[in-house]
Amino acid sequence: MTIQNELYTTILGNGISEIQCRYIAFKLESFGVRKILKIQKDKQHYIFKTDVKQYKIEPLDIDIPATPISEL
């Protein structure tokens, strides 16, 4: 299994659409992330604690691969 697929599998099932999960996994891998340690859900966003940094993920209401991702 590739790193991107492992990230995708970890993200999937947290209330984020499949398309956005795939996009988030792709972007995180491009940032050098190899593992998600914890996913914390807040009201309108998620905090992903990874082996590299922490990221704020803000899923969109529409199902497109353009989910805002920012470093914390």
Protein backbone atom coordinates (compact mmCIF):
# COMPACT_ATOMS: atom_id res chain seq x y z
CA MET A 1 0.00 0.00 0.00
CA THR A 2 1.34 3.42 -0.89
CA ILE A 3 1.73 6.22 1.65
CA GLN A 4 -1.04 8.17 -0.06
CA ASN A 5 -3.42 5.20 0.23
CA GLU A 6 -2.52 4.73 3.90
CA LEU A 7 -3.24 8.42 4.57
CA TYR A 8 -6.51 8.17 2.61
CA THR A 9 -7.63 5.13 4.60
CA THR A 10 -6.87 6.92 7.87
CA ILE A 11 -8.82 10.04 6.84
CA LEU A 12 -11.80 8.16 5.40
CA GLY A 13 -14.62 7.66 7.89
CA ASN A 14 -14.22 10.99 9.68
CA GLY A 15 -17.15 12.71 7.99
CA ILE A 16 -15.16 14.00 5.01
CA SER A 17 -16.22 13.04 1.48
CA GLU A 18 -14.18 10.49 -0.47
CA ILE A 19 -13.07 13.04 -3.08
CA GLN A 20 -11.87 15.46 -0.42
CA CYS A 21 -10.19 12.61 1.51
CA ARG A 22 -8.25 11.64 -1.61
CA TYR A 23 -7.21 15.27 -2.21
CA ILE A 24 -6.14 15.74 1.43
CA ALA A 25 -4.08 12.52 1.30
CA PHE A 26 -2.42 13.70 -1.93
CA LYS A 27 -1.55 17.12 -0.46
CA LEU A 28 -0.31 15.73 2.85
CA GLU A 29 1.97 13.29 1.04
CA SER A 30 3.35 16.18 -1.03
CA PHE A 31 4.14 17.97 2.27
CA GLY A 32 6.21 14.95 3.37
CA VAL A 33 3.67 13.43 5.75
CA ARG A 34 4.06 9.69 6.18
CA LYS A 35 1.62 9.09 9.03
CA ILE A 36 -1.38 10.77 10.67
CA LEU A 37 -1.10 10.40 14.42
CA LYS A 38 -4.42 11.95 15.45
CA ILE A 39 -7.49 13.58 13.88
CA GLN A 40 -9.37 16.02 16.07
CA LYS A 41 -12.70 17.45 14.91
CA ASP A 42 -13.75 20.98 15.83
CA LYS A 43 -16.93 22.76 14.74
CA GLN A 44 -16.02 23.68 11.15
CA HIS A 45 -12.60 22.09 10.71
CA TYR A 46 -10.29 19.25 11.66
CA ILE A 47 -6.82 19.30 13.19
CA PHE A 48 -4.54 16.60 11.79
CA LYS A 49 -1.52 15.81 13.95
CA THR A 50 1.05 14.11 11.75
CA ASP A 51 4.61 12.85 11.98
CA VAL A 52 5.74 16.15 10.39
CA LYS A 53 3.48 19.02 11.55
CA GLN A 54 -0.07 19.86 12.50
CA TYR A 55 -2.54 20.90 9.81
CA LYS A 56 -5.92 22.59 9.87
CA ILE A 57 -8.28 20.97 7.36
CA GLU A 58 -11.48 22.80 6.38
CA PRO A 59 -13.76 20.49 4.36
CA LEU A 60 -16.02 22.21 1.84
CA ASP A 61 -19.79 21.89 1.63
CA ILE A 62 -19.48 21.04 -2.06
CA ASP A 63 -17.75 17.83 -3.09
CA ILE A 64 -14.69 19.04 -5.00
CA PRO A 65 -10.97 18.34 -4.54
CA ALA A 66 -9.97 21.81 -3.28
CA THR A 67 -10.09 21.41 0.50
CA PRO A 68 -8.22 24.23 2.29
CA ILE A 69 -5.21 22.90 4.22
CA SER A 70 -3.03 25.14 6.38
CA GLU A 71 -0.10 24.52 8.73
CA LEU A 72 -0.51 25.33 12.40
